[in-house]
Amino acid sequence: MTGPNEPSPVFTPGNEPYLGMKSVLWFDRIICWSTEANASVAAWTQENAGAMTPLQRAACQVLPQGVGIALSIRELIRQAYLFSAMILVRPLVERAAVISYLDDHPSAIPLWEDGWRHGKRPSLASMLASMAGGLPVAEAQKVCGAHNHMVHGDPTSSYENLVNLGGGRIGYASGKMLDSPRLCDGIAMESQCYLIVLTDRMSSVFPDVEIRDLDDFSDL
């Protein structure tokens, strides 16, 4: 058992440290929307497995992974493992970029079916630029670079797990980060944006599946 002033070793939805933040609330709403949409798509694919297009078959691989990564990010936020949550944003970005690119560029689907091999597939920056409606690739590369720092563990990434130790001292967190609302806000905001992209692509790739509007979840 923990003492009255000690943090819980495992947080629940009723006592998580960032409970009440608007960005986390909206992330929760978008997760509910996305998981319901994913379940509807999954049911449709089971009934129509033999009639799916190559794009739909690719989407069946990419979309569930993206939803699962978003759920993992949310749980890491709940447990205050913010540094790990931030690392997982990078693969969520990639899933959103891949399905968007395949949806917009059907000629690339054979590359996916051939294993989406490095050197043949488009770069993440070029996919993000395409997803953003023609954003300059150099600007998209800045987004990639920020996430690559986190994944590869270079010195720049160390700024993201700095914590206040009190008495004018700082340190590098190896576990829960209980007093970093700005970092939490950034993770939740960025994650929900890419989860919206994933869910919108469900509607585009599976037009015969009825997916409710996000506004239907505004009261959660």
Foldseek 3Di string as FASTA:
>chain_A
DDDPPDDDQAFDQVPQLLPPDPLLVVLVLLLVQLVVLVVLLVVVCVVCVPPADLLSVVLVVLLVVLSVLSVVLSRCSSSQVLLVSLLSLLSNLQSLLVSLCCLVCVVCSVCVVVPVDPPPHDDSLVSVCVSVPNNPSVVSVVVVVVNVCSNVVDPVSQVLQWDDPDPPDIDGDPGHHNPCNVSSSVSSNSSSVSSVSSSVSSCVSCVVGDRDDSVVSPVD
